[in-house]
Structure formats: structure tokens, C-alpha cells
Amino acid sequence: MERPGKIICVGRNYREHAKELGNEVPAEPLLFFKPPSCVIANGAPIELPADAGRVDFEGEVAVVIGAKLTKASEAQCAAAVRGIVAANDVSAREWQKNDGQWARAKGTDTFLPLGEESRKPHDLAALTVVTRVNGVERQRATTADLVFPIPTLLSFISRYITLYPNDLVLTGTPAGVGPLAANDVVEVEIVGHSQVRSPVVALS
């Protein structure tokens, strides 16, 4: 897909993922941004900075916005979904913990591999996300497991931040996240819809 206008992400939106990192499930969607400059295409390498420490994969369903949304209802938001994309919200855990703000931990160059955009699915609550590292399945969940379903997320975001066509919303990652190392290959698949595959390289 073309580079998004803006990228809004949702943290801790699967209960088991929040639990595995020792966090509570938030009472409202926990939002953060990733910059468009961190996007890479299918097949491009994830680059691990030498000073980053642990860098994790996070497979996610990303939603492409197709119409302007401002203070929109859930029904309006569901109708405004243009398509979906497999996304990997690559995250540097030590920076995430130490910086307070997540700009560096989440927004470093190459930290958002994206697959090809697929058409809008019939059921936004029936999408399966699977992550594999070196061919071994590490994550699997469906959007039925989301704490805040996709229309709810979009409606909440639109109360405060207007969404425009070609904006991207990452909906959260399920349990099973883990570190990446040089020479790994990580794949995120939205079954039947979109896939992104990324080799991993270490920067000196």
C-alpha cells in the first residue's frame, strides 16, 4: 500500500498480551503513534540498532481508513474501513521502558513492515492474525478476542483525532511476542487477506 498519512496504534488490546508483559488492560483504548517513516514493504529487512537491546515482533491487524471520520459512530466507522493490512509493530523494549514516551521504541526506521492492502472483509470480528519466526508459529488470535473491537476503536479515536483516507490504525497484538535476532525471518499473516515477511539484520 502507499505510505499512510498517519499511523495510530492501540496498546494492550488483547488480555493475554497485557498479562504477559505484566500490564493491566486499560479502561479505554491506549493510543500511540508510529511515524510513516518507519514503514517498510514486504521483503525489506528489519534493522536492529546496535544499542537497542531487546527488539520484539508484534503481529497485528491494521485497518486502512477510506473516508473522513470525525466524532463518528461505530456504524459509520465500520462503513469507512477501506481494507486491512498485515502489520508488524516492531518494538524496542528497553527504549520503551526507559524513554517513557514510545517514539524511539516504536518509531525507529524499519520498525513497521506492512503487507499488501486487501479489500474490506465481510466480518471485522472474524480476522485471524498469525505470526511466525523462522517458520515456527508464535502468535495466533482472532479479532473476536480484541478488548475493544475495531469499530469501537475507530469511533473512540475519531472523538479526538480526525481520521482521513489512507490513515492506518493498528489494532493491537496478541500474546506470544518475543525478541528478534539477526538472520531471523518473521512473517505476519492475516489469514486469507494479507501477509508480510521480513528478514532481520543487525546494524553495527
C-alpha atoms as a PDB file:
ATOM      1  CA  MET A   1       0.000   0.000   0.000  1.00  0.00           C
ATOM      2  CA  GLU A   2       1.067   3.637  -0.341  1.00  0.00           C
ATOM      3  CA  ARG A   3       2.645   5.297   2.681  1.00  0.00           C
ATOM      4  CA  PRO A   4      -0.068   6.128   5.259  1.00  0.00           C
ATOM      5  CA  GLY A   5      -0.890   9.715   6.144  1.00  0.00           C
ATOM      6  CA  LYS A   6      -0.673   8.901   9.848  1.00  0.00           C
ATOM      7  CA  ILE A   7      -0.428   5.706  11.865  1.00  0.00           C
ATOM      8  CA  ILE A   8      -2.312   5.308  15.139  1.00  0.00           C
ATOM      9  CA  CYS A   9      -1.677   2.214  17.241  1.00  0.00           C
ATOM     10  CA  VAL A  10      -3.536   0.618  20.127  1.00  0.00           C
ATOM     11  CA  GLY A  11      -1.682  -0.956  23.036  1.00  0.00           C
ATOM     12  CA  ARG A  12      -2.744  -3.843  25.288  1.00  0.00           C
ATOM     13  CA  ASN A  13      -5.846  -4.687  23.280  1.00  0.00           C
ATOM     14  CA  TYR A  14      -5.603  -8.455  23.866  1.00  0.00           C
ATOM     15  CA  ARG A  15      -5.943  -9.507  27.513  1.00  0.00           C
ATOM     16  CA  GLU A  16      -3.299 -12.240  27.359  1.00  0.00           C
ATOM     17  CA  HIS A  17      -0.738  -9.900  25.804  1.00  0.00           C
ATOM     18  CA  ALA A  18      -1.265  -7.333  28.551  1.00  0.00           C
ATOM     19  CA  LYS A  19      -0.847 -10.123  31.085  1.00  0.00           C
ATOM     20  CA  GLU A  20       2.371 -11.483  29.546  1.00  0.00           C
ATOM     21  CA  LEU A  21       4.028  -8.054  29.875  1.00  0.00           C
ATOM     22  CA  GLY A  22       2.733  -7.551  33.424  1.00  0.00           C
ATOM     23  CA  ASN A  23       0.275  -4.799  32.478  1.00  0.00           C
ATOM     24  CA  GLU A  24      -3.365  -4.171  33.258  1.00  0.00           C
ATOM     25  CA  VAL A  25      -5.940  -3.986  30.480  1.00  0.00           C
ATOM     26  CA  PRO A  26      -6.692  -0.263  30.069  1.00  0.00           C
ATOM     27  CA  ALA A  27     -10.163   1.091  30.778  1.00  0.00           C
ATOM     28  CA  GLU A  28     -10.035   2.998  27.487  1.00  0.00           C
ATOM     29  CA  PRO A  29      -8.005   2.320  24.334  1.00  0.00           C
ATOM     30  CA  LEU A  30      -4.323   3.131  24.868  1.00  0.00           C
ATOM     31  CA  LEU A  31      -3.173   5.096  21.825  1.00  0.00           C
ATOM     32  CA  PHE A  32       0.253   5.915  20.435  1.00  0.00           C
ATOM     33  CA  PHE A  33       1.732   6.904  17.087  1.00  0.00           C
ATOM     34  CA  LYS A  34       4.268   5.376  14.745  1.00  0.00           C
ATOM     35  CA  PRO A  35       5.706   7.731  12.097  1.00  0.00           C
ATOM     36  CA  PRO A  36       5.192   6.951   8.398  1.00  0.00           C
ATOM     37  CA  SER A  37       8.992   6.964   8.019  1.00  0.00           C
ATOM     38  CA  CYS A  38       9.250   3.604   9.829  1.00  0.00           C
ATOM     39  CA  VAL A  39       7.163   1.766   7.190  1.00  0.00           C
ATOM     40  CA  ILE A  40       8.857  -0.877   5.045  1.00  0.00           C
ATOM     41  CA  ALA A  41       7.404  -3.129   2.375  1.00  0.00           C
ATOM     42  CA  ASN A  42       7.117  -6.903   2.221  1.00  0.00           C
ATOM     43  CA  GLY A  43      10.585  -8.432   1.886  1.00  0.00           C
ATOM     44  CA  ALA A  44      12.540  -5.428   3.166  1.00  0.00           C
ATOM     45  CA  PRO A  45      14.735  -6.065   6.225  1.00  0.00           C
ATOM     46  CA  ILE A  46      14.046  -5.064   9.802  1.00  0.00           C
ATOM     47  CA  GLU A  47      17.224  -3.376  11.055  1.00  0.00           C
ATOM     48  CA  LEU A  48      18.206  -3.884  14.698  1.00  0.00           C
ATOM     49  CA  PRO A  49      20.120  -0.868  16.067  1.00  0.00           C
ATOM     50  CA  ALA A  50      23.283  -1.855  17.928  1.00  0.00           C
ATOM     51  CA  ASP A  51      22.179  -0.015  21.093  1.00  0.00           C
ATOM     52  CA  ALA A  52      18.527  -1.086  21.131  1.00  0.00           C
ATOM     53  CA  GLY A  53      18.704  -4.146  23.379  1.00  0.00           C
ATOM     54  CA  ARG A  54      15.702  -6.453  23.078  1.00  0.00           C
ATOM     55  CA  VAL A  55      13.599  -5.814  19.968  1.00  0.00           C
ATOM     56  CA  ASP A  56      10.301  -7.728  19.728  1.00  0.00           C
ATOM     57  CA  PHE A  57       7.944  -8.661  16.913  1.00  0.00           C
ATOM     58  CA  GLU A  58       4.245  -7.827  17.326  1.00  0.00           C
ATOM     59  CA  GLY A  59       1.927  -9.181  14.647  1.00  0.00           C
ATOM     60  CA  GLU A  60      -1.223  -7.108  14.164  1.00  0.00           C
ATOM     61  CA  VAL A  61      -4.284  -6.482  12.047  1.00  0.00           C
ATOM     62  CA  ALA A  62      -4.055  -2.965  10.613  1.00  0.00           C
ATOM     63  CA  VAL A  63      -7.095  -1.136   9.270  1.00  0.00           C
ATOM     64  CA  VAL A  64      -6.934   1.252   6.312  1.00  0.00           C
ATOM     65  CA  ILE A  65      -9.316   4.198   6.538  1.00  0.00           C
ATOM     66  CA  GLY A  66     -11.379   5.016   3.454  1.00  0.00           C
ATOM     67  CA  ALA A  67     -13.389   8.081   4.494  1.00  0.00           C
ATOM     68  CA  LYS A  68     -13.014  11.064   6.809  1.00  0.00           C
ATOM     69  CA  LEU A  69     -14.113  10.264  10.365  1.00  0.00           C
ATOM     70  CA  THR A  70     -14.726  12.944  12.996  1.00  0.00           C
ATOM     71  CA  LYS A  71     -16.697  12.097  16.140  1.00  0.00           C
ATOM     72  CA  ALA A  72     -18.140   9.185  14.191  1.00  0.00           C
ATOM     73  CA  SER A  73     -20.418   6.400  15.394  1.00  0.00           C
ATOM     74  CA  GLU A  74     -19.319   2.780  15.410  1.00  0.00           C
ATOM     75  CA  ALA A  75     -21.560   2.081  12.417  1.00  0.00           C
ATOM     76  CA  GLN A  76     -20.045   4.984  10.487  1.00  0.00           C
ATOM     77  CA  CYS A  77     -16.554   3.757  11.358  1.00  0.00           C
ATOM     78  CA  ALA A  78     -17.261   0.199  10.250  1.00  0.00           C
ATOM     79  CA  ALA A  79     -18.561   1.532   6.928  1.00  0.00           C
ATOM     80  CA  ALA A  80     -15.442   3.686   6.476  1.00  0.00           C
ATOM     81  CA  VAL A  81     -12.966   0.785   6.589  1.00  0.00           C
ATOM     82  CA  ARG A  82     -11.338   0.521   3.155  1.00  0.00           C
ATOM     83  CA  GLY A  83      -9.210  -2.559   3.727  1.00  0.00           C
ATOM     84  CA  ILE A  84      -6.859  -4.395   6.027  1.00  0.00           C
ATOM     85  CA  VAL A  85      -3.109  -4.991   6.076  1.00  0.00           C
ATOM     86  CA  ALA A  86      -0.779  -7.364   7.909  1.00  0.00           C
ATOM     87  CA  ALA A  87       1.477  -5.284  10.156  1.00  0.00           C
ATOM     88  CA  ASN A  88       4.441  -5.924  12.448  1.00  0.00           C
ATOM     89  CA  ASP A  89       4.662  -3.355  15.259  1.00  0.00           C
ATOM     90  CA  VAL A  90       8.376  -3.867  15.928  1.00  0.00           C
ATOM     91  CA  SER A  91       9.199  -2.602  19.430  1.00  0.00           C
ATOM     92  CA  ALA A  92      12.459  -1.951  21.305  1.00  0.00           C
ATOM     93  CA  ARG A  93      11.550  -2.944  24.854  1.00  0.00           C
ATOM     94  CA  GLU A  94      14.392  -1.235  26.768  1.00  0.00           C
ATOM     95  CA  TRP A  95      13.751   2.049  24.998  1.00  0.00           C
ATOM     96  CA  GLN A  96      10.023   1.632  25.597  1.00  0.00           C
ATOM     97  CA  LYS A  97      10.635   1.231  29.321  1.00  0.00           C
ATOM     98  CA  ASN A  98      13.380   3.815  29.756  1.00  0.00           C
ATOM     99  CA  ASP A  99      12.177   6.613  27.493  1.00  0.00           C
ATOM    100  CA  GLY A 100       8.659   6.954  28.915  1.00  0.00           C
ATOM    101  CA  GLN A 101       7.441   8.216  25.553  1.00  0.00           C
ATOM    102  CA  TRP A 102       7.478   5.487  22.901  1.00  0.00           C
ATOM    103  CA  ALA A 103       8.638   7.496  19.882  1.00  0.00           C
ATOM    104  CA  ARG A 104      12.057   5.855  19.579  1.00  0.00           C
ATOM    105  CA  ALA A 105      10.961   2.395  20.764  1.00  0.00           C
ATOM    106  CA  LYS A 106       8.148   2.181  18.227  1.00  0.00           C
ATOM    107  CA  GLY A 107       9.171   4.639  15.516  1.00  0.00           C
ATOM    108  CA  THR A 108      12.735   3.730  14.574  1.00  0.00           C
ATOM    109  CA  ASP A 109      13.338   3.253  10.847  1.00  0.00           C
ATOM    110  CA  THR A 110      12.169  -0.177   9.545  1.00  0.00           C
ATOM    111  CA  PHE A 111      10.004  -0.808  12.646  1.00  0.00           C
ATOM    112  CA  LEU A 112       6.739  -1.196  10.701  1.00  0.00           C
ATOM    113  CA  PRO A 113       6.704  -3.868   7.978  1.00  0.00           C
ATOM    114  CA  LEU A 114       3.396  -3.758   6.087  1.00  0.00           C
ATOM    115  CA  GLY A 115       1.864  -6.266   3.694  1.00  0.00           C
ATOM    116  CA  GLU A 116      -0.317  -5.521   0.709  1.00  0.00           C
ATOM    117  CA  GLU A 117      -3.712  -3.993   1.397  1.00  0.00           C
ATOM    118  CA  SER A 118      -6.626  -6.364   0.953  1.00  0.00           C
ATOM    119  CA  ARG A 119     -10.240  -5.490   0.373  1.00  0.00           C
ATOM    120  CA  LYS A 120     -12.545  -4.854   3.315  1.00  0.00           C
ATOM    121  CA  PRO A 121     -13.559  -8.177   4.912  1.00  0.00           C
ATOM    122  CA  HIS A 122     -17.191  -9.136   5.410  1.00  0.00           C
ATOM    123  CA  ASP A 123     -16.717  -9.517   9.174  1.00  0.00           C
ATOM    124  CA  LEU A 124     -14.214  -7.310  11.040  1.00  0.00           C
ATOM    125  CA  ALA A 125     -14.543  -9.569  14.110  1.00  0.00           C
ATOM    126  CA  ALA A 126     -13.543 -12.758  12.267  1.00  0.00           C
ATOM    127  CA  LEU A 127      -9.974 -11.998  11.178  1.00  0.00           C
ATOM    128  CA  THR A 128      -7.155 -14.324  12.245  1.00  0.00           C
ATOM    129  CA  VAL A 129      -3.645 -12.971  12.787  1.00  0.00           C
ATOM    130  CA  VAL A 130      -0.702 -15.390  12.849  1.00  0.00           C
ATOM    131  CA  THR A 131       2.977 -14.596  13.435  1.00  0.00           C
ATOM    132  CA  ARG A 132       5.809 -16.999  12.599  1.00  0.00           C
ATOM    133  CA  VAL A 133       9.514 -16.666  13.280  1.00  0.00           C
ATOM    134  CA  ASN A 134      11.745 -18.917  11.189  1.00  0.00           C
ATOM    135  CA  GLY A 135       8.649 -20.897  10.239  1.00  0.00           C
ATOM    136  CA  VAL A 136       7.560 -21.537  13.839  1.00  0.00           C
ATOM    137  CA  GLU A 137       4.174 -20.175  14.869  1.00  0.00           C
ATOM    138  CA  ARG A 138       4.498 -17.738  17.762  1.00  0.00           C
ATOM    139  CA  GLN A 139       1.194 -15.844  17.787  1.00  0.00           C
ATOM    140  CA  ARG A 140      -2.364 -16.685  16.769  1.00  0.00           C
ATOM    141  CA  ALA A 141      -5.594 -14.903  17.674  1.00  0.00           C
ATOM    142  CA  THR A 142      -8.760 -13.548  16.107  1.00  0.00           C
ATOM    143  CA  THR A 143     -10.212 -10.075  16.190  1.00  0.00           C
ATOM    144  CA  ALA A 144     -13.115 -11.553  18.179  1.00  0.00           C
ATOM    145  CA  ASP A 145     -10.594 -11.582  21.059  1.00  0.00           C
ATOM    146  CA  LEU A 146      -9.963  -7.821  20.966  1.00  0.00           C
ATOM    147  CA  VAL A 147     -10.769  -5.964  24.186  1.00  0.00           C
ATOM    148  CA  PHE A 148     -12.001  -3.035  22.069  1.00  0.00           C
ATOM    149  CA  PRO A 149     -13.414  -4.189  18.698  1.00  0.00           C
ATOM    150  CA  ILE A 150     -12.389  -2.404  15.514  1.00  0.00           C
ATOM    151  CA  PRO A 151     -15.492  -0.140  15.161  1.00  0.00           C
ATOM    152  CA  THR A 152     -15.207   0.793  18.850  1.00  0.00           C
ATOM    153  CA  LEU A 153     -11.535   1.708  18.421  1.00  0.00           C
ATOM    154  CA  LEU A 154     -12.154   3.846  15.367  1.00  0.00           C
ATOM    155  CA  SER A 155     -15.065   5.650  16.985  1.00  0.00           C
ATOM    156  CA  PHE A 156     -13.003   6.356  20.111  1.00  0.00           C
ATOM    157  CA  ILE A 157     -10.075   7.689  18.071  1.00  0.00           C
ATOM    158  CA  SER A 158     -12.358   9.878  15.969  1.00  0.00           C
ATOM    159  CA  ARG A 159     -13.621  11.671  19.079  1.00  0.00           C
ATOM    160  CA  TYR A 160     -10.200  13.285  19.454  1.00  0.00           C
ATOM    161  CA  ILE A 161      -8.256  12.774  16.220  1.00  0.00           C
ATOM    162  CA  THR A 162      -9.848  13.105  12.801  1.00  0.00           C
ATOM    163  CA  LEU A 163      -9.084  10.121  10.588  1.00  0.00           C
ATOM    164  CA  TYR A 164      -8.590  10.644   6.858  1.00  0.00           C
ATOM    165  CA  PRO A 165      -8.466   8.311   3.862  1.00  0.00           C
ATOM    166  CA  ASN A 166      -5.215   6.319   3.788  1.00  0.00           C
ATOM    167  CA  ASP A 167      -4.638   6.685   7.534  1.00  0.00           C
ATOM    168  CA  LEU A 168      -3.730   3.394   9.221  1.00  0.00           C
ATOM    169  CA  VAL A 169      -4.877   2.051  12.599  1.00  0.00           C
ATOM    170  CA  LEU A 170      -3.037  -0.878  14.201  1.00  0.00           C
ATOM    171  CA  THR A 171      -5.432  -2.768  16.462  1.00  0.00           C
ATOM    172  CA  GLY A 172      -3.089  -4.426  18.975  1.00  0.00           C
ATOM    173  CA  THR A 173      -1.025  -7.598  19.228  1.00  0.00           C
ATOM    174  CA  PRO A 174      -1.979 -10.937  20.832  1.00  0.00           C
ATOM    175  CA  ALA A 175       0.075 -12.898  23.339  1.00  0.00           C
ATOM    176  CA  GLY A 176       3.282 -14.557  22.217  1.00  0.00           C
ATOM    177  CA  VAL A 177       5.546 -11.607  21.434  1.00  0.00           C
ATOM    178  CA  GLY A 178       9.264 -12.262  21.614  1.00  0.00           C
ATOM    179  CA  PRO A 179      12.701 -10.989  20.636  1.00  0.00           C
ATOM    180  CA  LEU A 180      14.183 -10.913  17.159  1.00  0.00           C
ATOM    181  CA  ALA A 181      17.796 -11.670  16.286  1.00  0.00           C
ATOM    182  CA  ALA A 182      19.955 -11.198  13.228  1.00  0.00           C
ATOM    183  CA  ASN A 183      19.182 -13.715  10.457  1.00  0.00           C
ATOM    184  CA  ASP A 184      15.662 -14.394  11.731  1.00  0.00           C
ATOM    185  CA  VAL A 185      12.782 -14.234   9.287  1.00  0.00           C
ATOM    186  CA  VAL A 186       9.471 -13.021  10.723  1.00  0.00           C
ATOM    187  CA  GLU A 187       6.119 -13.356   8.971  1.00  0.00           C
ATOM    188  CA  VAL A 188       2.777 -11.829   9.922  1.00  0.00           C
ATOM    189  CA  GLU A 189      -0.320 -13.127   8.165  1.00  0.00           C
ATOM    190  CA  ILE A 190      -3.934 -12.041   8.254  1.00  0.00           C
ATOM    191  CA  VAL A 191      -5.242 -15.389   7.086  1.00  0.00           C
ATOM    192  CA  GLY A 192      -6.790 -15.155   3.645  1.00  0.00           C
ATOM    193  CA  HIS A 193      -6.115 -11.431   3.330  1.00  0.00           C
ATOM    194  CA  SER A 194      -2.569 -10.053   3.709  1.00  0.00           C
ATOM    195  CA  GLN A 195       0.934 -11.158   4.636  1.00  0.00           C
ATOM    196  CA  VAL A 196       4.297  -9.514   5.300  1.00  0.00           C
ATOM    197  CA  ARG A 197       7.654 -11.298   5.505  1.00  0.00           C
ATOM    198  CA  SER A 198      10.801  -9.606   6.830  1.00  0.00           C
ATOM    199  CA  PRO A 199      14.388 -10.787   7.228  1.00  0.00           C
ATOM    200  CA  VAL A 200      16.192  -9.347  10.240  1.00  0.00           C
ATOM    201  CA  VAL A 201      19.646  -7.748  10.114  1.00  0.00           C
ATOM    202  CA  ALA A 202      21.807  -6.260  12.866  1.00  0.00           C
ATOM    203  CA  LEU A 203      23.341  -2.814  12.442  1.00  0.00           C
ATOM    204  CA  SER A 204      26.900  -2.347  13.647  1.00  0.00           C
END
